[in-house]
């Protein structure tokens, strides 16, 4: 019975479908995949905000920054995730931070 609610998405991750209510079923994530959705809707906006805030502190602006994909986290970051889902957002941001932590990088809280 549980297997009818667990759905494999296009990126190979799993999501959960709701029970059928009046002929309608909703998924927790879009069909592109839970992992893809976490990076698009959680990690990318966080990364953009982190870069923008650090540029402003240093007297620069986002337009002058050209290495969005080639940077490292040099300051501590703290994220509150209410964890009302399957944990993809938390795992995605932890992966992002560990992958891009600089030599003098901050800590993750």
N, C-alpha and C. Protein backbone atom coordinates (compact mmCIF):
# COMPACT_ATOMS: atom_id res chain seq x y z
N UNK A 1 0.82 -1.20 0.00
CA UNK A 1 0.00 0.00 0.00
C UNK A 1 0.87 1.27 0.00
N UNK A 2 1.96 1.29 0.75
CA UNK A 2 2.84 2.45 0.79
C UNK A 2 3.47 2.68 -0.57
N UNK A 3 3.81 1.63 -1.28
CA UNK A 3 4.50 1.76 -2.58
C UNK A 3 3.69 2.52 -3.61
N UNK A 4 2.39 2.56 -3.49
CA UNK A 4 1.59 3.30 -4.46
C UNK A 4 1.75 4.81 -4.29
N UNK A 5 2.28 5.26 -3.17
CA UNK A 5 2.48 6.68 -2.92
C UNK A 5 3.91 7.14 -3.21
N UNK A 6 4.85 6.22 -3.26
CA UNK A 6 6.26 6.57 -3.50
C UNK A 6 6.51 6.52 -5.00
N UNK A 7 6.95 7.65 -5.56
CA UNK A 7 7.12 7.79 -7.00
C UNK A 7 8.56 8.17 -7.32
N UNK A 8 9.15 7.49 -8.31
CA UNK A 8 10.50 7.85 -8.77
C UNK A 8 10.36 8.98 -9.79
N UNK A 9 11.17 10.03 -9.63
CA UNK A 9 11.10 11.19 -10.52
C UNK A 9 12.19 11.13 -11.58
N UNK A 10 12.19 12.10 -12.48
CA UNK A 10 13.11 12.10 -13.62
C UNK A 10 14.58 12.11 -13.24
N UNK A 11 14.93 12.72 -12.10
CA UNK A 11 16.35 12.76 -11.71
C UNK A 11 16.75 11.54 -10.87
N UNK A 12 15.85 10.60 -10.69
CA UNK A 12 16.14 9.38 -9.96
C UNK A 12 15.80 9.45 -8.48
N UNK A 13 15.44 10.63 -7.99
CA UNK A 13 15.04 10.76 -6.59
C UNK A 13 13.57 10.36 -6.45
N UNK A 14 13.16 10.22 -5.22
CA UNK A 14 11.78 9.80 -4.95
C UNK A 14 10.98 10.92 -4.32
N UNK A 15 9.70 10.92 -4.59
CA UNK A 15 8.77 11.84 -3.96
C UNK A 15 7.56 11.06 -3.50
N UNK A 16 6.67 11.72 -2.84
CA UNK A 16 5.47 11.06 -2.32
C UNK A 16 4.24 11.72 -2.92
N UNK A 17 3.34 10.90 -3.39
CA UNK A 17 2.05 11.38 -3.87
C UNK A 17 1.03 11.34 -2.74
N UNK A 18 0.10 12.27 -2.78
CA UNK A 18 -0.99 12.26 -1.81
C UNK A 18 -1.99 11.17 -2.19
N UNK A 19 -2.83 10.80 -1.26
CA UNK A 19 -3.94 9.92 -1.62
C UNK A 19 -4.86 10.65 -2.61
N UNK A 20 -5.65 9.90 -3.33
CA UNK A 20 -6.60 10.46 -4.29
C UNK A 20 -7.75 11.12 -3.54
N UNK A 21 -7.94 12.43 -3.79
CA UNK A 21 -9.06 13.16 -3.22
C UNK A 21 -9.91 13.70 -4.36
N UNK A 22 -11.08 13.14 -4.53
CA UNK A 22 -11.99 13.57 -5.59
C UNK A 22 -11.32 13.57 -6.95
N UNK A 23 -10.53 12.55 -7.23
CA UNK A 23 -9.88 12.41 -8.52
C UNK A 23 -8.60 13.22 -8.69
N UNK A 24 -8.13 13.85 -7.63
CA UNK A 24 -6.92 14.66 -7.71
C UNK A 24 -5.83 14.07 -6.82
N UNK A 25 -4.60 14.03 -7.36
CA UNK A 25 -3.43 13.56 -6.63
C UNK A 25 -2.35 14.63 -6.75
N UNK A 26 -1.70 14.94 -5.64
CA UNK A 26 -0.61 15.92 -5.67
C UNK A 26 0.67 15.28 -5.20
N UNK A 27 1.78 15.71 -5.81
CA UNK A 27 3.10 15.23 -5.42
C UNK A 27 3.80 16.28 -4.58
N UNK A 28 4.72 15.84 -3.71
CA UNK A 28 5.50 16.78 -2.92
C UNK A 28 6.47 17.57 -3.79
N UNK A 29 6.93 16.97 -4.90
CA UNK A 29 7.92 17.61 -5.78
C UNK A 29 7.44 17.52 -7.22
N UNK A 30 8.02 18.34 -8.09
CA UNK A 30 7.63 18.28 -9.49
C UNK A 30 8.26 17.06 -10.17
N UNK A 31 7.85 16.78 -11.38
CA UNK A 31 8.30 15.57 -12.07
C UNK A 31 9.77 15.60 -12.46
N UNK A 32 10.40 16.81 -12.46
CA UNK A 32 11.83 16.89 -12.74
C UNK A 32 12.64 16.18 -11.66
N UNK A 33 12.13 16.16 -10.45
CA UNK A 33 12.79 15.45 -9.37
C UNK A 33 12.98 16.28 -8.12
N UNK A 34 12.99 15.59 -7.01
CA UNK A 34 13.13 16.25 -5.72
C UNK A 34 14.50 16.88 -5.55
N UNK A 35 15.55 16.21 -5.99
CA UNK A 35 16.90 16.75 -5.86
C UNK A 35 17.05 17.98 -6.75
N UNK A 36 16.61 17.88 -7.99
CA UNK A 36 16.66 19.03 -8.90
C UNK A 36 15.89 20.21 -8.33
N UNK A 37 14.71 19.95 -7.82
CA UNK A 37 13.89 21.01 -7.24
C UNK A 37 14.57 21.65 -6.03
N UNK A 38 15.23 20.86 -5.20
CA UNK A 38 15.93 21.40 -4.04
C UNK A 38 17.05 22.34 -4.45
N UNK A 39 17.81 21.97 -5.47
CA UNK A 39 18.89 22.84 -5.92
C UNK A 39 18.35 24.11 -6.58
N UNK A 40 17.28 23.99 -7.34
CA UNK A 40 16.72 25.15 -8.05
C UNK A 40 16.01 26.12 -7.11
N UNK A 41 15.26 25.60 -6.15
CA UNK A 41 14.41 26.45 -5.32
C UNK A 41 15.01 26.77 -3.95
N UNK A 42 16.09 26.10 -3.57
CA UNK A 42 16.65 26.31 -2.24
C UNK A 42 18.13 26.70 -2.31
N UNK A 43 18.94 25.88 -2.99
CA UNK A 43 20.39 26.13 -3.02
C UNK A 43 20.74 27.34 -3.87
N UNK A 44 20.22 27.43 -5.08
CA UNK A 44 20.56 28.56 -5.95
C UNK A 44 20.18 29.91 -5.33
N UNK A 45 18.96 30.06 -4.78
CA UNK A 45 18.64 31.35 -4.14
C UNK A 45 19.53 31.64 -2.93
N UNK A 46 19.85 30.60 -2.14
CA UNK A 46 20.74 30.81 -1.01
C UNK A 46 22.12 31.27 -1.48
N UNK A 47 22.66 30.59 -2.48
CA UNK A 47 23.99 30.92 -3.01
C UNK A 47 24.00 32.36 -3.54
N UNK A 48 22.97 32.74 -4.27
CA UNK A 48 22.85 34.09 -4.81
C UNK A 48 22.84 35.11 -3.68
N UNK A 49 22.04 34.86 -2.66
CA UNK A 49 21.94 35.76 -1.52
C UNK A 49 23.27 35.85 -0.77
N UNK A 50 23.93 34.71 -0.57
CA UNK A 50 25.22 34.68 0.12
C UNK A 50 26.25 35.53 -0.62
N UNK A 51 26.33 35.34 -1.92
CA UNK A 51 27.29 36.10 -2.73
C UNK A 51 26.95 37.58 -2.70
N UNK A 52 25.68 37.90 -2.91
CA UNK A 52 25.26 39.31 -2.94
C UNK A 52 25.55 39.99 -1.60
N UNK A 53 25.23 39.35 -0.49
CA UNK A 53 25.48 39.95 0.82
C UNK A 53 26.96 40.16 1.07
N UNK A 54 27.79 39.23 0.65
CA UNK A 54 29.22 39.37 0.86
C UNK A 54 29.83 40.41 -0.07
N UNK A 55 29.30 40.55 -1.26
CA UNK A 55 29.78 41.60 -2.16
C UNK A 55 29.44 42.98 -1.62
N UNK A 56 28.23 43.13 -1.10
CA UNK A 56 27.81 44.41 -0.54
C UNK A 56 28.70 44.78 0.64
N UNK A 57 29.02 43.80 1.49
CA UNK A 57 29.91 44.06 2.63
C UNK A 57 31.28 44.53 2.17
N UNK A 58 31.71 44.06 1.00
CA UNK A 58 33.02 44.42 0.47
C UNK A 58 32.97 45.61 -0.48
N UNK A 59 31.81 46.25 -0.61
CA UNK A 59 31.68 47.42 -1.46
C UNK A 59 31.56 47.13 -2.94
N UNK A 60 31.19 45.91 -3.30
CA UNK A 60 31.01 45.53 -4.72
C UNK A 60 29.53 45.29 -4.98
N UNK A 61 29.20 45.01 -6.23
CA UNK A 61 27.83 44.65 -6.56
C UNK A 61 27.82 43.35 -7.37
N UNK A 62 26.64 42.77 -7.49
CA UNK A 62 26.50 41.47 -8.14
C UNK A 62 26.89 41.52 -9.61
N UNK A 63 26.65 42.66 -10.27
CA UNK A 63 26.99 42.78 -11.69
C UNK A 63 28.49 42.64 -11.93
N UNK A 64 29.29 43.01 -10.94
CA UNK A 64 30.75 42.92 -11.10
C UNK A 64 31.28 41.53 -10.78
N UNK A 65 30.42 40.66 -10.28
CA UNK A 65 30.84 39.31 -9.90
C UNK A 65 30.56 38.36 -11.06
N UNK A 66 31.59 37.71 -11.59
CA UNK A 66 31.42 36.86 -12.77
C UNK A 66 31.70 35.38 -12.50
N UNK A 67 32.04 35.03 -11.28
CA UNK A 67 32.38 33.63 -10.98
C UNK A 67 31.35 32.99 -10.06
N UNK A 68 30.09 33.05 -10.43
CA UNK A 68 29.01 32.48 -9.61
C UNK A 68 29.26 30.99 -9.35
N UNK A 69 29.82 30.28 -10.33
CA UNK A 69 30.05 28.84 -10.18
C UNK A 69 31.42 28.52 -9.62
N UNK A 70 32.29 29.51 -9.49
CA UNK A 70 33.65 29.27 -9.02
C UNK A 70 33.95 30.17 -7.83
N UNK A 71 33.41 29.83 -6.69
CA UNK A 71 33.65 30.60 -5.48
C UNK A 71 33.65 29.63 -4.31
N UNK A 72 33.96 30.13 -3.12
CA UNK A 72 33.93 29.28 -1.94
C UNK A 72 33.27 30.02 -0.79
N UNK A 73 32.70 29.23 0.11
CA UNK A 73 32.09 29.79 1.32
C UNK A 73 33.21 30.07 2.31
N UNK A 74 33.43 31.34 2.62
CA UNK A 74 34.51 31.75 3.51
C UNK A 74 34.01 32.18 4.89
N UNK A 75 32.71 32.34 5.04
CA UNK A 75 32.14 32.76 6.32
C UNK A 75 31.19 31.68 6.82
N UNK A 76 30.91 31.74 8.13
CA UNK A 76 29.96 30.80 8.71
C UNK A 76 28.58 31.01 8.08
N UNK A 77 27.85 29.93 7.95
CA UNK A 77 26.46 30.04 7.51
C UNK A 77 25.58 29.30 8.51
N UNK A 78 24.40 29.80 8.70
CA UNK A 78 23.41 29.15 9.57
C UNK A 78 22.10 29.09 8.81
N UNK A 79 21.51 27.91 8.78
CA UNK A 79 20.26 27.71 8.05
C UNK A 79 19.26 27.02 8.96
N UNK A 80 18.05 27.52 8.97
CA UNK A 80 16.97 26.88 9.71
C UNK A 80 16.07 26.20 8.68
N UNK A 81 15.97 24.90 8.79
CA UNK A 81 15.07 24.13 7.93
C UNK A 81 14.08 23.43 8.84
N UNK A 82 12.82 23.72 8.66
CA UNK A 82 11.77 23.17 9.52
C UNK A 82 11.62 21.66 9.33
N UNK A 83 12.10 21.15 8.21
CA UNK A 83 12.12 19.70 7.95
C UNK A 83 10.72 19.09 7.96
N UNK A 84 9.86 19.67 7.18
CA UNK A 84 8.49 19.15 7.09
C UNK A 84 8.34 18.20 5.90
N UNK A 85 9.44 17.85 5.27
CA UNK A 85 9.36 16.99 4.10
C UNK A 85 10.27 15.78 4.20
N UNK A 86 10.97 15.51 3.12
CA UNK A 86 11.80 14.31 3.03
C UNK A 86 13.29 14.57 3.28
N UNK A 87 13.66 15.83 3.51
CA UNK A 87 15.05 16.16 3.83
C UNK A 87 15.93 16.52 2.65
N UNK A 88 15.36 16.63 1.46
CA UNK A 88 16.15 16.96 0.27
C UNK A 88 16.78 18.35 0.37
N UNK A 89 16.04 19.34 0.89
CA UNK A 89 16.59 20.70 0.98
C UNK A 89 17.80 20.74 1.90
N UNK A 90 17.69 20.11 3.06
CA UNK A 90 18.81 20.08 4.00
C UNK A 90 20.02 19.38 3.41
N UNK A 91 19.80 18.24 2.81
CA UNK A 91 20.93 17.50 2.24
C UNK A 91 21.54 18.25 1.06
N UNK A 92 20.74 18.95 0.27
CA UNK A 92 21.25 19.69 -0.87
C UNK A 92 22.14 20.85 -0.43
N UNK A 93 21.73 21.59 0.60
CA UNK A 93 22.54 22.73 1.04
C UNK A 93 23.80 22.26 1.75
N UNK A 94 23.73 21.16 2.47
CA UNK A 94 24.94 20.60 3.11
C UNK A 94 25.93 20.16 2.03
N UNK A 95 25.43 19.48 0.99
CA UNK A 95 26.30 19.06 -0.11
C UNK A 95 26.95 20.27 -0.79
N UNK A 96 26.15 21.30 -1.05
CA UNK A 96 26.66 22.52 -1.68
C UNK A 96 27.76 23.16 -0.82
N UNK A 97 27.51 23.28 0.48
CA UNK A 97 28.49 23.90 1.37
C UNK A 97 29.78 23.09 1.42
N UNK A 98 29.69 21.79 1.61
CA UNK A 98 30.90 20.96 1.71
C UNK A 98 31.69 20.95 0.41
N UNK A 99 30.99 20.97 -0.71
CA UNK A 99 31.65 20.96 -2.02
C UNK A 99 32.38 22.27 -2.29
N UNK A 100 31.89 23.37 -1.75
CA UNK A 100 32.45 24.69 -2.06
C UNK A 100 33.03 25.40 -0.84
N UNK A 101 33.38 24.65 0.19
CA UNK A 101 33.96 25.26 1.38
C UNK A 101 35.41 25.62 1.07
N UNK A 102 35.76 26.88 1.31
CA UNK A 102 37.12 27.34 1.03
C UNK A 102 38.11 26.84 2.07
N UNK A 103 39.38 27.07 1.79
CA UNK A 103 40.44 26.68 2.72
C UNK A 103 40.28 27.37 4.06
N UNK A 104 39.82 28.60 4.04
CA UNK A 104 39.57 29.35 5.26
C UNK A 104 38.08 29.41 5.55
N UNK A 105 37.38 28.45 5.01
CA UNK A 105 35.92 28.46 5.04
C UNK A 105 35.32 28.45 6.43
N UNK A 106 34.11 28.95 6.48
CA UNK A 106 33.38 29.01 7.73
C UNK A 106 32.80 27.67 8.10
N UNK A 107 31.95 27.72 9.09
CA UNK A 107 31.28 26.52 9.58
C UNK A 107 29.82 26.55 9.18
N UNK A 108 29.23 25.40 9.20
CA UNK A 108 27.81 25.25 8.85
C UNK A 108 27.04 24.94 10.11
N UNK A 109 26.00 25.74 10.38
CA UNK A 109 25.18 25.52 11.57
C UNK A 109 23.77 25.28 11.16
